[in-house]
């Protein structure tokens, strides 16, 4: 098996929503296809993936640096000697050749899209869903019954109102999602608190509502929100401050009795080790949300999970950011605590396909080979166009 071509296309996110920091109207995602010389169902075996959501497309880094390195590599250097198939770790290593350590940033998302596409093609080669391939690779039993899920929404919208938010929350519950997450930090504290209280009322309890400030707050505001939210018994309080301010996160953990969540903006295992060492993360309580699609792919993400467990943090405390099919397969394959979903938001990448419906508080990946991205409405058309270009 050898890589014969790699293509990337920048796909706009659909929707006009914003959190306390970012308007997503102009956001894009890198959709990547890795084509091999191995035949599969009458055409070359091709893996497809993308660099999650929230960090823009990375076409320049891919086309100028990473793709040329991979296409120039000795094909045997990219193979797992034990299987003769592509090794995601070796592909990642070659894509990162001559890159300095540290300063991870956007290149972590670029490399992730390629590395995850290799996982997709390995699963297709074995004619099985990606979570089965992932579980076997890491010696885990696949979560065949599904993983816990919640709906991530509650964004700020123009002309917004509490009634619109209540209707949105009720809609998620009607779809079978047992819990929700909403945004905070985009309004003055009293107005945000009214939003949270409305969500708790509709959801039926604070333990069914998480809140996300997206790194908006400085010290005083983070602690003021912590005091205001403390008695609501929320599911968790997420990304209150700058994600790299570990000292402030520790101070917040000492002040807030409920669960804190963070990690989606950490892109390397070293970042995670620093959080675990200095950030006051509490075993059995807090939630870590690193995202393979933003952090060099599954190879690096699995190292993050190892780092968590080395610090006494169980993998059940890991809920990957992203709310899409790739992270659903990763959560099921690695036996994580659960995953989020973006029903109706961040299309065509957010949310799941028609064969993935929440039931009993769980969601289960579909049976299509690979990540099943081709079967997702809207995304399937984008993939078909990219593969057609790849074959032309």
Protein backbone atom coordinates (compact mmCIF):
# COMPACT_ATOMS: atom_id res chain seq x y z
CA UNK A 1 0.00 0.00 0.00
CA UNK A 2 1.35 3.40 -0.95
CA UNK A 3 0.01 6.94 -1.07
CA UNK A 4 -0.29 8.18 -4.66
CA UNK A 5 -1.99 11.54 -4.07
CA UNK A 6 -3.45 13.80 -1.36
CA UNK A 7 -5.94 16.60 -2.02
CA UNK A 8 -7.46 19.26 0.22
CA UNK A 9 -10.41 21.56 -0.28
CA UNK A 10 -11.59 24.37 1.96
CA UNK A 11 -15.30 23.98 2.78
CA UNK A 12 -17.27 26.85 4.38
CA UNK A 13 -19.22 26.15 7.55
CA UNK A 14 -22.90 26.90 7.13
CA UNK A 15 -24.77 28.96 9.70
CA UNK A 16 -24.48 32.35 11.31
CA UNK A 17 -23.98 31.80 15.04
CA UNK A 18 -21.46 33.15 17.52
CA UNK A 19 -20.19 32.50 20.99
CA UNK A 20 -18.62 35.05 23.32
CA UNK A 21 -15.42 35.21 21.25
CA UNK A 22 -15.98 34.00 17.68
CA UNK A 23 -18.48 34.58 14.87
CA UNK A 24 -18.48 31.42 12.74
CA UNK A 25 -20.01 32.99 9.61
CA UNK A 26 -16.63 33.09 7.85
CA UNK A 27 -15.18 29.83 9.16
CA UNK A 28 -13.89 27.07 6.90
CA UNK A 29 -12.74 23.45 7.34
CA UNK A 30 -10.08 21.47 5.45
CA UNK A 31 -11.57 18.35 3.86
CA UNK A 32 -8.73 15.97 2.91
CA UNK A 33 -8.61 12.83 0.76
CA UNK A 34 -5.64 10.40 0.78
CA UNK A 35 -5.55 8.12 -2.27
CA UNK A 36 -3.60 4.86 -2.35
CA UNK A 37 -2.62 2.37 -5.03
CA UNK A 38 -4.63 -0.37 -3.28
CA UNK A 39 -7.83 -1.36 -5.13
CA UNK A 40 -11.11 -1.39 -3.22
CA UNK A 41 -14.50 -2.05 -4.78
CA UNK A 42 -13.23 -1.25 -8.25
CA UNK A 43 -11.40 1.98 -7.46
CA UNK A 44 -8.33 3.07 -5.47
CA UNK A 45 -8.74 2.85 -1.69
CA UNK A 46 -9.14 6.44 -0.45
CA UNK A 47 -9.40 7.79 3.08
CA UNK A 48 -11.25 11.01 3.93
CA UNK A 49 -11.23 13.21 7.03
CA UNK A 50 -11.25 16.86 8.12
CA UNK A 51 -9.63 19.08 10.74
CA UNK A 52 -12.61 19.26 13.10
CA UNK A 53 -14.39 22.61 13.64
CA UNK A 54 -13.32 26.01 14.91
CA UNK A 55 -9.79 26.61 13.55
CA UNK A 56 -10.30 27.43 9.84
CA UNK A 57 -9.03 25.42 6.85
CA UNK A 58 -5.28 24.73 6.60
CA UNK A 59 -4.77 24.34 2.85
CA UNK A 60 -1.56 26.39 2.72
CA UNK A 61 0.27 24.35 5.35
CA UNK A 62 -0.86 21.14 3.69
CA UNK A 63 -0.01 22.06 0.11
CA UNK A 64 3.26 23.88 0.85
CA UNK A 65 4.78 21.59 3.48
CA UNK A 66 3.06 18.40 4.55
CA UNK A 67 1.71 16.90 1.32
CA UNK A 68 5.02 17.33 -0.58
CA UNK A 69 6.88 15.61 2.29
CA UNK A 70 4.52 12.64 2.21
CA UNK A 71 4.54 12.25 -1.57
CA UNK A 72 8.36 12.43 -1.61
CA UNK A 73 8.77 9.83 1.14
CA UNK A 74 9.99 6.30 0.52
CA UNK A 75 6.63 4.44 0.51
CA UNK A 76 8.02 1.71 2.76
CA UNK A 77 8.83 4.32 5.44
CA UNK A 78 5.10 5.04 5.83
CA UNK A 79 4.09 1.41 6.39
CA UNK A 80 3.52 -0.55 9.57
CA UNK A 81 6.05 -3.41 9.25
CA UNK A 82 3.69 -5.79 11.03
CA UNK A 83 0.79 -5.28 8.59
CA UNK A 84 2.22 -3.79 5.40
CA UNK A 85 -0.50 -1.14 5.63
CA UNK A 86 -0.10 2.59 6.14
CA UNK A 87 0.88 3.53 9.69
CA UNK A 88 -0.91 6.69 10.94
CA UNK A 89 1.99 7.35 13.33
CA UNK A 90 4.58 7.09 10.56
CA UNK A 91 2.51 9.27 8.25
CA UNK A 92 2.27 11.89 11.00
CA UNK A 93 5.99 11.68 11.68
CA UNK A 94 6.83 12.28 8.02
CA UNK A 95 4.32 15.13 7.68
CA UNK A 96 6.07 16.83 10.62
CA UNK A 97 9.64 16.36 9.35
CA UNK A 98 11.76 19.50 9.80
CA UNK A 99 9.12 21.16 12.01
CA UNK A 100 10.42 22.57 15.30
CA UNK A 101 8.86 21.37 18.58
CA UNK A 102 6.42 23.62 20.41
CA UNK A 103 4.28 26.42 18.98
CA UNK A 104 1.77 23.92 17.68
CA UNK A 105 -1.03 26.17 16.40
CA UNK A 106 -2.62 25.62 12.99
CA UNK A 107 -0.14 22.98 11.78
CA UNK A 108 -1.59 20.59 14.39
CA UNK A 109 -4.97 20.77 12.63
CA UNK A 110 -3.39 20.40 9.17
CA UNK A 111 -1.49 17.26 10.17
CA UNK A 112 -4.58 15.89 11.92
CA UNK A 113 -6.69 15.95 8.76
CA UNK A 114 -4.17 13.73 6.93
CA UNK A 115 -3.54 11.39 9.87
CA UNK A 116 -7.27 10.87 10.42
CA UNK A 117 -7.82 10.21 6.71
CA UNK A 118 -5.33 7.33 7.07
CA UNK A 119 -7.46 5.88 9.89
CA UNK A 120 -10.49 6.17 7.62
CA UNK A 121 -8.81 4.26 4.80
CA UNK A 122 -7.52 1.57 7.18
CA UNK A 123 -11.07 0.98 8.41
CA UNK A 124 -12.33 0.85 4.82
CA UNK A 125 -9.57 -1.62 3.98
CA UNK A 126 -10.88 -3.87 6.78
CA UNK A 127 -14.49 -3.18 5.68
CA UNK A 128 -15.52 -2.10 9.17
CA UNK A 129 -16.53 1.10 10.98
CA UNK A 130 -13.61 3.17 12.23
CA UNK A 131 -14.39 2.63 15.91
CA UNK A 132 -13.71 -1.10 15.46
CA UNK A 133 -10.33 -0.40 13.79
CA UNK A 134 -9.45 2.11 16.53
CA UNK A 135 -10.45 -0.22 19.37
CA UNK A 136 -8.37 -3.06 17.94
CA UNK A 137 -5.34 -0.82 17.37
CA UNK A 138 -5.35 0.30 21.00
CA UNK A 139 -6.36 -3.01 22.58
CA UNK A 140 -9.79 -1.80 23.66
CA UNK A 141 -13.22 -3.43 23.46
CA UNK A 142 -15.41 -1.30 21.14
CA UNK A 143 -18.35 0.47 22.76
CA UNK A 144 -20.94 -1.45 20.77
CA UNK A 145 -23.84 -0.12 22.84
CA UNK A 146 -22.88 3.49 22.15
CA UNK A 147 -21.44 6.35 24.19
CA UNK A 148 -23.09 9.09 26.28
CA UNK A 149 -23.96 12.18 24.26
CA UNK A 150 -25.19 15.72 24.80
CA UNK A 151 -26.32 18.46 22.42
CA UNK A 152 -24.06 21.50 22.15
CA UNK A 153 -25.94 24.65 21.19
CA UNK A 154 -27.29 27.73 22.91
CA UNK A 155 -25.29 30.08 20.71
CA UNK A 156 -25.99 33.77 20.57
CA UNK A 157 -28.09 34.79 17.59
CA UNK A 158 -29.28 38.14 16.30
CA UNK A 159 -32.70 39.04 17.70
CA UNK A 160 -32.28 36.40 20.39
CA UNK A 161 -34.68 35.83 23.30
CA UNK A 162 -35.15 33.49 26.23
CA UNK A 163 -38.19 31.97 24.51
CA UNK A 164 -36.08 31.09 21.46
CA UNK A 165 -33.47 29.49 23.72
CA UNK A 166 -36.17 27.54 25.58
CA UNK A 167 -37.53 26.25 22.26
CA UNK A 168 -34.03 25.22 21.17
CA UNK A 169 -33.38 23.30 24.39
CA UNK A 170 -36.78 21.60 24.19
CA UNK A 171 -36.00 20.60 20.60
CA UNK A 172 -32.80 18.84 21.65
CA UNK A 173 -34.64 16.95 24.37
CA UNK A 174 -37.32 15.94 21.87
CA UNK A 175 -34.57 14.53 19.60
CA UNK A 176 -33.42 12.27 22.44
CA UNK A 177 -30.44 14.21 23.79
CA UNK A 178 -30.43 13.86 27.59
CA UNK A 179 -28.32 16.96 28.28
CA UNK A 180 -27.33 20.23 26.64
CA UNK A 181 -24.59 22.85 26.63
CA UNK A 182 -25.15 26.58 26.11
CA UNK A 183 -22.87 29.58 25.70
CA UNK A 184 -22.13 32.20 28.33
CA UNK A 185 -19.90 35.27 28.37
CA UNK A 186 -21.57 37.10 25.47
CA UNK A 187 -23.89 39.16 27.67
CA UNK A 188 -23.63 40.85 31.09
CA UNK A 189 -23.70 38.34 33.92
CA UNK A 190 -27.37 38.94 34.95
CA UNK A 191 -28.56 38.37 31.37
CA UNK A 192 -26.36 35.29 30.97
CA UNK A 193 -27.60 33.94 34.30
CA UNK A 194 -31.18 34.32 33.06
CA UNK A 195 -30.26 32.23 30.01
CA UNK A 196 -28.72 29.52 32.17
CA UNK A 197 -31.71 29.44 34.53
CA UNK A 198 -34.07 29.17 31.55
CA UNK A 199 -32.06 26.25 30.16
CA UNK A 200 -32.03 24.50 33.55
CA UNK A 201 -35.80 24.94 33.83
CA UNK A 202 -36.48 23.40 30.40
CA UNK A 203 -33.89 20.63 30.76
CA UNK A 204 -35.23 19.59 34.14
CA UNK A 205 -32.16 20.21 36.30
CA UNK A 206 -28.71 21.73 36.46
CA UNK A 207 -27.10 18.33 36.02
CA UNK A 208 -28.48 18.35 32.47
CA UNK A 209 -26.97 21.71 31.49
CA UNK A 210 -23.32 22.66 30.90
CA UNK A 211 -22.13 26.19 30.16
CA UNK A 212 -19.23 27.31 27.95
CA UNK A 213 -17.49 30.71 28.11
CA UNK A 214 -15.01 29.90 25.28
CA UNK A 215 -12.06 31.45 27.14
CA UNK A 216 -13.74 34.84 27.42
CA UNK A 217 -13.09 35.74 31.05
CA UNK A 218 -10.26 37.27 33.00
CA UNK A 219 -9.73 36.34 36.63
CA UNK A 220 -12.39 38.54 38.25
CA UNK A 221 -15.12 37.72 35.75
CA UNK A 222 -14.37 33.99 35.85
CA UNK A 223 -14.65 33.97 39.64
CA UNK A 224 -17.81 36.13 39.57
CA UNK A 225 -19.50 33.67 37.19
CA UNK A 226 -18.28 30.77 39.35
CA UNK A 227 -19.97 32.28 42.39
CA UNK A 228 -23.18 32.96 40.45
CA UNK A 229 -23.32 29.45 38.96
CA UNK A 230 -22.23 27.46 42.00
CA UNK A 231 -25.69 26.77 43.42
CA UNK A 232 -27.20 25.62 40.11
CA UNK A 233 -25.50 22.21 40.22
CA UNK A 234 -24.49 22.42 36.57
CA UNK A 235 -23.07 19.54 34.56
CA UNK A 236 -19.89 21.60 34.07
CA UNK A 237 -18.46 25.14 33.64
CA UNK A 238 -16.28 25.16 30.51
CA UNK A 239 -13.37 27.24 29.20
CA UNK A 240 -13.85 30.14 31.60
CA UNK A 241 -10.41 31.63 30.91
CA UNK A 242 -7.50 31.55 28.50
CA UNK A 243 -6.85 27.82 27.88
CA UNK A 244 -3.10 28.20 28.53
CA UNK A 245 -3.47 30.06 31.86
CA UNK A 246 -3.01 26.99 34.02
CA UNK A 247 -2.43 28.95 37.24
CA UNK A 248 -5.78 30.71 36.87
CA UNK A 249 -7.47 27.41 36.07
CA UNK A 250 -6.08 26.00 39.31
CA UNK A 251 -7.39 29.03 41.24
CA UNK A 252 -10.80 28.58 39.63
CA UNK A 253 -10.82 24.88 40.56
CA UNK A 254 -10.14 25.82 44.17
CA UNK A 255 -13.07 28.27 44.16
CA UNK A 256 -15.73 26.41 42.15
CA UNK A 257 -17.18 23.25 43.70
CA UNK A 258 -18.66 21.81 40.51
CA UNK A 259 -16.98 20.26 37.50
CA UNK A 260 -14.79 22.38 35.21
CA UNK A 261 -14.13 21.52 31.57
CA UNK A 262 -11.23 22.50 29.34
CA UNK A 263 -8.76 21.13 26.80
CA UNK A 264 -10.23 21.78 23.34
CA UNK A 265 -7.56 24.42 22.66
CA UNK A 266 -4.62 22.24 23.70
CA UNK A 267 -2.93 20.76 20.64
CA UNK A 268 -0.16 18.52 21.93
CA UNK A 269 0.47 15.94 24.62
CA UNK A 270 2.94 18.36 26.24
CA UNK A 271 0.20 20.99 26.55
CA UNK A 272 -1.97 18.39 28.27
CA UNK A 273 0.84 17.35 30.62
CA UNK A 274 1.24 21.01 31.61
CA UNK A 275 -2.48 21.32 32.28
CA UNK A 276 -2.45 18.16 34.38
CA UNK A 277 0.61 19.28 36.33
CA UNK A 278 -0.29 22.92 36.95
CA UNK A 279 -4.02 23.37 36.20
CA UNK A 280 -5.65 21.83 39.28
CA UNK A 281 -7.54 19.16 37.31
CA UNK A 282 -9.54 17.05 39.79
CA UNK A 283 -9.81 13.25 39.38
CA UNK A 284 -13.38 12.01 39.19
CA UNK A 285 -14.82 15.49 38.63
CA UNK A 286 -13.44 17.62 35.81
CA UNK A 287 -13.81 17.06 32.07
CA UNK A 288 -11.08 17.15 29.39
CA UNK A 289 -12.11 17.97 25.81
CA UNK A 290 -9.04 17.66 23.60
CA UNK A 291 -9.92 17.14 19.95
CA UNK A 292 -7.90 14.79 17.71
CA UNK A 293 -8.85 16.82 14.65
CA UNK A 294 -7.13 19.90 16.09
CA UNK A 295 -4.14 18.15 17.64
CA UNK A 296 -2.18 16.05 15.13
CA UNK A 297 -4.80 13.30 14.91
CA UNK A 298 -5.54 10.12 16.81
CA UNK A 299 -1.88 9.18 17.34
CA UNK A 300 -1.27 12.29 19.48
CA UNK A 301 -4.73 12.14 21.04
CA UNK A 302 -4.10 8.60 22.34
CA UNK A 303 -0.90 9.90 23.96
CA UNK A 304 -3.01 12.57 25.68
CA UNK A 305 -5.30 9.89 27.11
CA UNK A 306 -2.22 8.02 28.38
CA UNK A 307 -1.01 11.23 30.04
CA UNK A 308 -4.40 11.69 31.72
CA UNK A 309 -4.34 8.19 33.14
CA UNK A 310 -0.75 8.63 34.32
CA UNK A 311 -2.01 11.57 36.39
CA UNK A 312 -4.90 9.60 37.86
CA UNK A 313 -7.54 11.05 35.51
CA UNK A 314 -9.77 8.31 34.14
CA UNK A 315 -10.52 8.22 30.41
CA UNK A 316 -14.22 8.46 31.31
CA UNK A 317 -13.47 12.13 32.03
CA UNK A 318 -12.61 12.68 28.33
CA UNK A 319 -15.35 14.17 26.14
CA UNK A 320 -13.76 15.25 22.81
CA UNK A 321 -14.75 18.64 21.42
CA UNK A 322 -16.15 18.73 17.90
CA UNK A 323 -19.58 17.15 17.78
CA UNK A 324 -19.04 15.16 14.58
CA UNK A 325 -18.71 11.62 13.27
CA UNK A 326 -14.93 11.34 13.56
CA UNK A 327 -14.91 12.06 17.28
CA UNK A 328 -17.92 9.80 17.83
CA UNK A 329 -15.91 6.89 16.41
CA UNK A 330 -12.88 7.88 18.52
CA UNK A 331 -14.96 8.09 21.71
CA UNK A 332 -16.48 4.66 20.99
CA UNK A 333 -13.17 3.09 19.97
CA UNK A 334 -11.19 4.35 22.95
CA UNK A 335 -13.95 3.91 25.54
CA UNK A 336 -14.14 7.59 26.51
CA UNK A 337 -16.72 9.29 28.70
CA UNK A 338 -18.83 10.45 25.79
CA UNK A 339 -19.08 12.98 22.99
CA UNK A 340 -20.93 16.11 22.07
CA UNK A 341 -23.19 16.68 19.09
CA UNK A 342 -24.00 19.78 17.04
CA UNK A 343 -27.47 19.00 15.73
CA UNK A 344 -28.23 21.48 12.96
CA UNK A 345 -25.10 23.58 13.65
CA UNK A 346 -21.82 23.79 11.71
CA UNK A 347 -23.11 21.88 8.70
CA UNK A 348 -22.01 19.99 6.72
CA UNK A 349 -19.51 18.71 9.32
CA UNK A 350 -21.40 19.09 12.63
CA UNK A 351 -23.83 16.50 13.91
CA UNK A 352 -24.25 12.90 12.86
CA UNK A 353 -25.72 10.90 10.00
CA UNK A 354 -29.24 9.53 9.74
CA UNK A 355 -28.08 6.14 11.09
CA UNK A 356 -26.87 7.74 14.36
CA UNK A 357 -29.79 8.66 16.59
CA UNK A 358 -29.55 9.20 20.36
CA UNK A 359 -31.41 6.61 22.38
CA UNK A 360 -31.43 6.10 26.12
CA UNK A 361 -28.82 8.83 26.56
CA UNK A 362 -26.37 7.08 24.23
CA UNK A 363 -25.41 7.44 20.59
CA UNK A 364 -23.88 4.70 18.51
CA UNK A 365 -21.77 5.05 15.36
CA UNK A 366 -23.23 3.63 12.16
CA UNK A 367 -22.04 0.50 10.40
CA UNK A 368 -20.59 2.10 7.25
CA UNK A 369 -16.87 1.36 6.70
CA UNK A 370 -14.54 4.11 7.91
CA UNK A 371 -15.89 7.18 9.66
CA UNK A 372 -19.03 7.02 7.52
CA UNK A 373 -18.60 10.61 6.35
CA UNK A 374 -19.82 9.83 2.81
CA UNK A 375 -23.26 8.93 4.20
CA UNK A 376 -23.76 12.26 5.99
CA UNK A 377 -26.16 14.52 4.08
CA UNK A 378 -24.36 17.51 2.60
CA UNK A 379 -20.90 16.26 3.46
CA UNK A 380 -21.24 13.31 1.10
CA UNK A 381 -21.58 15.73 -1.85
CA UNK A 382 -18.42 17.60 -0.83
CA UNK A 383 -16.50 14.32 -0.58
CA UNK A 384 -17.78 13.10 -3.95
CA UNK A 385 -16.55 16.29 -5.60
CA UNK A 386 -13.13 16.01 -3.92
CA UNK A 387 -12.69 12.36 -4.89
CA UNK A 388 -13.75 13.13 -8.46
CA UNK A 389 -11.02 15.79 -8.62
CA UNK A 390 -8.56 13.28 -7.13
CA UNK A 391 -9.39 10.72 -9.82
CA UNK A 392 -9.29 13.17 -12.74
